[in-house]
Amino acid sequence: MRHPYIAMVPQWDLLDLLADAAAAEPTFTLLRRHEVTAVTRANGRATGVRYVGPDGPGALEADLVVACDGRWSRVRQSVGFPKREFPVGFDVWWYRITSDLHLEENLLPRLKGGHVAIGIPREGYVQVAGLGPEGTDAQVRARGIEAFRADAADLFPELAGDAGSVASMVDVKHLDVRLDRLRRWYANGVLCIGDAAHAMSPVGGVGINLAVQDAVAAARILAAPLREGGMRTREGARVLARVQRRRMLPTVVIQSVQRLLHRFVIMPALAHDLQAPALVVRLLRAVPALSALPAAVIGIGPRPERAPAWARRAH
């Protein structure tokens, strides 16, 4: 492996890296501050999108619309793709604790008294995901910022002196967790990938991994048909189906693992009823290398994708 480790990268930094790399392509255009509102259609197929930007509404035509606009995808709503939803019994609150403290750990999982959180050390701050029972956002906010800071300090005692950097509840962002997947990811002229095709739980932070792998697989499968104009023919739908077939297995596997973690780890922890299996603990202590298995599932996935040779630039 070229990089035999997992890198915890802020999503906005990764997106900037991708945008900068794509900017080197002569046919790439990135429109910032533009929001897709609907898919346009003609003769039974998608022909582009409508959007709202700084200069008002507009439209773009395309041989293929690729929806990668997340779990609340306007594209998939506009097309009306059927989906399968799975119950999730918890919500997530994102916040950051500003701190100059150097923490050697790459991840700070915390569990105490029915409170669950994961801290991700960054340069100058720790990004925190706090977990709680579903539908309790109003109660969390009603308790106020002082109670919230006290809970954060209790979970991260090494950061207790910095908990005051969470200025107000406005700095605490609520995520209504969703876990679902489309039964069909494509229609004539449109394809959904990433969270637009399969909304992932934040558990494991694998949503971005699957999204990038979906994109790589889609690029490899669709490049030739797009160059040859094949996406406007009946064969186009069959080509899009290949993307779904390729990526459905890893989606199902990862979502199944997440559902098991929800049921046997997160929900018992929130209910003060989590007991670590003694056999698993003894096994990991006896063979520490086994801890690489969950890391491989999270960081690489059950079906890794590799960029095709034509997409790699020479050094």
Protein backbone atom coordinates (compact mmCIF):
# COMPACT_ATOMS: atom_id res chain seq x y z
CA MET A 1 0.00 0.00 0.00
CA ARG A 2 1.27 3.47 -0.84
CA HIS A 3 -0.16 5.01 2.34
CA PRO A 4 -0.69 2.27 4.97
CA TYR A 5 -2.72 4.44 7.36
CA ILE A 6 -6.03 6.26 7.66
CA ALA A 7 -5.96 10.04 7.35
CA MET A 8 -8.72 11.99 9.14
CA VAL A 9 -9.15 14.93 6.77
CA PRO A 10 -11.67 17.79 7.16
CA GLN A 11 -14.23 17.43 4.38
CA TRP A 12 -13.85 21.04 3.21
CA ASP A 13 -10.09 20.53 2.76
CA LEU A 14 -10.73 17.42 0.67
CA LEU A 15 -13.27 19.26 -1.46
CA ASP A 16 -10.80 22.11 -2.02
CA LEU A 17 -8.14 19.58 -3.01
CA LEU A 18 -10.49 17.96 -5.55
CA ALA A 19 -11.57 21.34 -6.95
CA ASP A 20 -7.96 22.48 -7.33
CA ALA A 21 -6.99 19.25 -9.09
CA ALA A 22 -10.01 19.40 -11.40
CA ALA A 23 -9.24 23.03 -12.28
CA ALA A 24 -6.23 21.76 -14.24
CA GLU A 25 -8.63 20.11 -16.69
CA PRO A 26 -9.43 22.40 -19.66
CA THR A 27 -13.11 21.42 -19.78
CA PHE A 28 -13.83 21.71 -16.04
CA THR A 29 -15.96 24.55 -14.67
CA LEU A 30 -16.93 24.96 -11.02
CA LEU A 31 -19.87 27.25 -10.23
CA ARG A 32 -19.74 28.24 -6.57
CA ARG A 33 -22.80 29.46 -4.65
CA HIS A 34 -25.13 27.81 -7.16
CA GLU A 35 -27.92 25.57 -5.88
CA VAL A 36 -29.66 23.00 -8.06
CA THR A 37 -33.43 23.23 -7.70
CA ALA A 38 -34.79 20.67 -10.18
CA VAL A 39 -34.05 18.39 -13.11
CA THR A 40 -35.18 19.44 -16.59
CA ARG A 41 -36.70 16.81 -18.88
CA ALA A 42 -37.65 16.30 -22.52
CA ASN A 43 -38.96 13.22 -24.31
CA GLY A 44 -38.84 11.09 -21.18
CA ARG A 45 -35.22 11.76 -20.19
CA ALA A 46 -33.29 14.20 -18.02
CA THR A 47 -31.67 16.93 -20.09
CA GLY A 48 -30.04 19.11 -17.42
CA VAL A 49 -30.81 21.06 -14.26
CA ARG A 50 -32.33 24.32 -13.12
CA TYR A 51 -30.44 26.29 -10.50
CA VAL A 52 -30.36 29.49 -8.47
CA GLY A 53 -27.11 31.47 -8.29
CA PRO A 54 -25.88 34.91 -7.24
CA ASP A 55 -27.23 36.34 -10.48
CA GLY A 56 -30.61 34.63 -10.21
CA PRO A 57 -32.07 31.46 -11.72
CA GLY A 58 -30.62 29.65 -14.70
CA ALA A 59 -30.37 26.28 -16.41
CA LEU A 60 -27.66 23.93 -17.66
CA GLU A 61 -28.02 21.24 -20.30
CA ALA A 62 -26.14 17.96 -20.02
CA ASP A 63 -25.90 14.54 -21.65
CA LEU A 64 -25.89 13.13 -18.12
CA VAL A 65 -26.87 14.65 -14.76
CA VAL A 66 -24.83 13.14 -11.91
CA ALA A 67 -26.45 13.84 -8.54
CA CYS A 68 -23.87 14.08 -5.77
CA ASP A 69 -25.76 16.67 -3.71
CA GLY A 70 -26.10 14.66 -0.52
CA ARG A 71 -28.85 13.04 1.49
CA TRP A 72 -31.27 15.91 0.84
CA SER A 73 -30.59 15.71 -2.90
CA ARG A 74 -32.85 17.97 -4.94
CA VAL A 75 -32.13 15.80 -7.96
CA ARG A 76 -33.39 12.60 -6.43
CA GLN A 77 -36.42 14.43 -5.05
CA SER A 78 -37.13 15.95 -8.45
CA VAL A 79 -36.95 12.59 -10.22
CA GLY A 80 -38.82 10.76 -7.44
CA PHE A 81 -36.50 7.80 -6.95
CA PRO A 82 -37.99 5.16 -4.58
CA LYS A 83 -35.88 4.45 -1.52
CA ARG A 84 -35.57 2.07 1.40
CA GLU A 85 -35.19 3.66 4.82
CA PHE A 86 -33.77 2.12 7.98
CA PRO A 87 -34.65 3.32 11.51
CA VAL A 88 -32.02 5.29 13.42
CA GLY A 89 -32.55 5.92 17.12
CA PHE A 90 -30.08 8.75 17.69
CA ASP A 91 -29.15 12.25 16.52
CA VAL A 92 -25.75 13.95 16.28
CA TRP A 93 -24.60 17.40 17.40
CA TRP A 94 -21.46 18.81 15.79
CA TYR A 95 -19.37 21.43 17.56
CA ARG A 96 -15.74 22.41 17.95
CA ILE A 97 -13.65 23.10 21.03
CA THR A 98 -10.86 25.56 20.28
CA SER A 99 -7.63 24.44 21.92
CA ASP A 100 -3.86 24.74 21.50
CA LEU A 101 -3.39 21.51 23.41
CA HIS A 102 -1.38 18.94 21.42
CA LEU A 103 -3.20 15.61 21.42
CA GLU A 104 -1.30 12.61 20.11
CA GLU A 105 -4.43 10.54 19.45
CA ASN A 106 -6.09 10.73 16.03
CA LEU A 107 -9.49 9.93 17.48
CA LEU A 108 -11.01 10.51 20.91
CA PRO A 109 -13.99 8.18 21.50
CA ARG A 110 -15.72 8.94 24.81
CA LEU A 111 -18.48 7.15 26.71
CA LYS A 112 -19.70 8.22 30.13
CA GLY A 113 -23.02 8.20 31.94
CA GLY A 114 -25.20 7.82 28.88
CA HIS A 115 -23.24 10.46 26.95
CA VAL A 116 -21.36 9.41 23.82
CA ALA A 117 -19.00 11.57 21.77
CA ILE A 118 -16.13 11.28 19.35
CA GLY A 119 -13.46 13.98 19.16
CA ILE A 120 -11.28 14.50 16.10
CA PRO A 121 -8.17 16.59 16.88
CA ARG A 122 -7.44 19.27 14.27
CA GLU A 123 -4.91 22.07 14.16
CA GLY A 124 -6.07 24.55 16.80
CA TYR A 125 -9.32 22.79 17.70
CA VAL A 126 -11.07 19.49 18.29
CA GLN A 127 -14.08 18.66 16.13
CA VAL A 128 -16.66 16.84 18.24
CA ALA A 129 -19.63 14.69 17.30
CA GLY A 130 -21.93 14.25 20.28
CA LEU A 131 -24.60 11.54 20.14
CA GLY A 132 -27.97 11.52 21.87
CA PRO A 133 -31.43 9.95 21.60
CA GLU A 134 -33.38 10.80 18.48
CA GLY A 135 -35.72 13.78 18.73
CA THR A 136 -34.07 15.39 21.77
CA ASP A 137 -32.58 18.48 20.10
CA ALA A 138 -35.16 20.77 21.75
CA GLN A 139 -34.28 19.41 25.21
CA VAL A 140 -30.54 19.76 24.58
CA ARG A 141 -30.99 23.41 23.62
CA ALA A 142 -33.43 24.12 26.46
CA ARG A 143 -30.77 23.10 29.01
CA GLY A 144 -28.59 25.95 27.76
CA ILE A 145 -24.97 26.47 26.86
CA GLU A 146 -23.59 26.17 30.41
CA ALA A 147 -25.00 22.65 30.81
CA PHE A 148 -23.74 21.75 27.35
CA ARG A 149 -20.22 22.96 28.18
CA ALA A 150 -20.29 21.01 31.45
CA ASP A 151 -21.19 17.80 29.61
CA ALA A 152 -18.40 18.43 27.07
CA ALA A 153 -15.86 19.04 29.84
CA ASP A 154 -16.98 15.85 31.59
CA LEU A 155 -16.43 13.82 28.43
CA PHE A 156 -13.13 15.53 27.52
CA PRO A 157 -11.49 16.48 30.84
CA GLU A 158 -8.25 17.37 29.07
CA LEU A 159 -10.22 20.07 27.22
CA ALA A 160 -12.27 21.25 30.21
CA GLY A 161 -10.47 24.60 30.32
CA ASP A 162 -11.32 25.19 26.66
CA ALA A 163 -15.00 24.20 26.77
CA GLY A 164 -15.93 27.87 27.01
CA SER A 165 -14.88 28.26 23.37
CA VAL A 166 -18.31 26.87 22.47
CA ALA A 167 -19.79 30.36 22.59
CA SER A 168 -23.49 29.57 22.33
CA MET A 169 -25.93 26.91 21.19
CA VAL A 170 -25.80 28.53 17.76
CA ASP A 171 -22.33 26.95 17.45
CA VAL A 172 -23.86 23.50 18.03
CA LYS A 173 -25.14 22.08 14.74
CA HIS A 174 -27.84 19.42 14.88
CA LEU A 175 -27.73 16.52 12.39
CA ASP A 176 -30.93 14.52 11.92
CA VAL A 177 -29.30 11.18 11.11
CA ARG A 178 -30.63 9.30 8.09
CA LEU A 179 -29.79 5.83 6.82
CA ASP A 180 -31.34 4.88 3.49
CA ARG A 181 -30.56 3.82 -0.06
CA LEU A 182 -32.32 4.18 -3.36
CA ARG A 183 -33.81 1.04 -4.84
CA ARG A 184 -32.79 2.41 -8.23
CA TRP A 185 -29.95 4.92 -8.59
CA TYR A 186 -30.56 5.96 -12.18
CA ALA A 187 -33.13 7.02 -14.74
CA ASN A 188 -32.84 8.12 -18.34
CA GLY A 189 -30.13 10.78 -18.32
CA VAL A 190 -29.55 10.94 -14.55
CA LEU A 191 -27.45 9.01 -12.00
CA CYS A 192 -27.24 9.36 -8.21
CA ILE A 193 -24.03 8.58 -6.33
CA GLY A 194 -22.74 9.13 -2.81
CA ASP A 195 -25.25 10.16 -0.15
CA ALA A 196 -27.69 11.09 -2.93
CA ALA A 197 -27.91 7.36 -3.68
CA HIS A 198 -27.33 6.00 -0.17
CA ALA A 199 -27.49 8.24 2.89
CA MET A 200 -24.96 6.89 5.38
CA SER A 201 -24.88 7.13 9.14
CA PRO A 202 -21.99 9.27 10.46
CA VAL A 203 -20.75 6.20 12.34
CA GLY A 204 -17.25 5.43 11.10
CA GLY A 205 -17.13 8.52 8.91
CA VAL A 206 -17.39 6.33 5.80
CA GLY A 207 -19.90 8.38 3.81
CA ILE A 208 -17.23 10.41 2.01
CA ASN A 209 -15.20 7.24 1.34
CA LEU A 210 -18.10 5.54 -0.43
CA ALA A 211 -18.97 8.73 -2.31
CA VAL A 212 -15.45 9.05 -3.75
CA GLN A 213 -15.40 5.34 -4.65
CA ASP A 214 -18.80 5.72 -6.37
CA ALA A 215 -17.38 8.63 -8.37
CA VAL A 216 -14.28 6.69 -9.44
CA ALA A 217 -16.36 3.69 -10.53
CA ALA A 218 -18.82 5.92 -12.38
CA ALA A 219 -16.00 7.74 -14.19
CA ARG A 220 -14.38 4.50 -15.30
CA ILE A 221 -17.66 2.98 -16.54
CA LEU A 222 -19.15 6.11 -18.13
CA ALA A 223 -16.16 7.82 -19.72
CA ALA A 224 -16.25 5.99 -23.05
CA PRO A 225 -20.06 6.14 -23.52
CA LEU A 226 -20.01 9.87 -22.73
CA ARG A 227 -17.22 10.53 -25.25
CA GLU A 228 -19.10 8.58 -27.90
CA GLY A 229 -22.47 10.19 -27.22
CA GLY A 230 -23.98 6.92 -26.04
CA MET A 231 -25.77 8.37 -23.02
CA ARG A 232 -28.53 9.78 -25.23
CA THR A 233 -29.40 6.35 -26.60
CA ARG A 234 -31.36 3.46 -25.08
CA GLU A 235 -28.04 1.85 -24.21
CA GLY A 236 -27.39 4.74 -21.79
CA ALA A 237 -29.70 3.35 -19.09
CA ARG A 238 -27.98 -0.04 -19.25
CA VAL A 239 -24.60 1.64 -18.77
CA LEU A 240 -25.92 3.52 -15.71
CA ALA A 241 -27.23 0.24 -14.31
CA ARG A 242 -23.65 -1.08 -14.36
CA VAL A 243 -22.62 1.65 -11.91
CA GLN A 244 -25.35 0.65 -9.47
CA ARG A 245 -24.50 -3.05 -9.75
CA ARG A 246 -20.85 -2.28 -9.14
CA ARG A 247 -21.45 -0.12 -6.06
CA MET A 248 -24.51 -1.73 -4.45
CA LEU A 249 -22.57 -4.51 -2.68
CA PRO A 250 -20.20 -2.23 -0.72
CA THR A 251 -23.14 0.04 0.13
CA VAL A 252 -25.17 -2.84 1.57
CA VAL A 253 -22.17 -4.23 3.48
CA ILE A 254 -21.20 -0.90 5.08
CA GLN A 255 -24.80 0.02 5.94
CA SER A 256 -25.29 -3.41 7.51
CA VAL A 257 -22.19 -2.90 9.67
CA GLN A 258 -23.48 0.54 10.67
CA ARG A 259 -26.88 -0.88 11.62
CA LEU A 260 -25.17 -3.50 13.82
CA LEU A 261 -23.11 -0.77 15.53
CA HIS A 262 -26.27 1.28 16.07
CA ARG A 263 -28.04 -1.65 17.67
CA PHE A 264 -25.31 -3.21 19.76
CA VAL A 265 -23.03 -0.27 20.61
CA ILE A 266 -24.57 3.18 20.28
CA MET A 267 -28.10 2.56 21.55
CA PRO A 268 -26.94 0.49 24.58
CA ALA A 269 -24.35 3.19 25.35
CA LEU A 270 -27.02 5.91 25.30
CA ALA A 271 -29.17 3.73 27.56
CA HIS A 272 -26.30 3.26 30.10
CA ASP A 273 -26.26 -0.42 29.17
CA LEU A 274 -23.10 -1.03 27.14
CA GLN A 275 -20.93 -3.91 28.23
CA ALA A 276 -17.85 -4.55 26.08
CA PRO A 277 -17.72 -8.25 25.15
CA ALA A 278 -14.96 -9.72 27.30
CA LEU A 279 -13.88 -12.15 24.57
CA VAL A 280 -13.40 -9.33 22.04
CA VAL A 281 -11.38 -7.26 24.53
CA ARG A 282 -9.12 -10.22 25.42
CA LEU A 283 -8.66 -11.07 21.75
CA LEU A 284 -7.61 -7.54 20.79
CA ARG A 285 -5.19 -7.38 23.71
CA ALA A 286 -3.68 -10.74 22.72
CA VAL A 287 -3.47 -9.93 18.98
CA PRO A 288 -3.31 -6.14 18.53
CA ALA A 289 -2.95 -6.55 14.75
CA LEU A 290 -6.63 -7.54 14.62
CA SER A 291 -7.51 -3.89 15.20
CA ALA A 292 -6.45 -3.34 11.57
CA LEU A 293 -9.56 -5.21 10.38
CA PRO A 294 -12.13 -2.53 11.28
CA ALA A 295 -9.67 0.09 10.00
CA ALA A 296 -9.55 -1.70 6.64
CA VAL A 297 -13.34 -1.90 6.46
CA ILE A 298 -13.67 1.82 7.23
CA GLY A 299 -10.71 3.18 5.29
CA ILE A 300 -10.72 0.91 2.23
CA GLY A 301 -14.10 -0.79 2.12
CA PRO A 302 -15.22 -4.15 0.75
CA ARG A 303 -14.80 -3.08 -2.90
CA PRO A 304 -12.06 -0.47 -3.34
CA GLU A 305 -11.92 1.44 -6.61
CA ARG A 306 -8.81 2.48 -8.51
CA ALA A 307 -8.55 5.41 -10.87
CA PRO A 308 -8.09 4.23 -14.48
CA ALA A 309 -4.73 4.82 -16.14
CA TRP A 310 -6.14 7.49 -18.44
CA ALA A 311 -7.18 9.57 -15.42
CA ARG A 312 -3.69 9.66 -13.88
CA ARG A 313 -1.36 12.50 -14.67
CA ALA A 314 2.31 11.83 -15.28
CA HIS A 315 4.64 13.19 -12.59
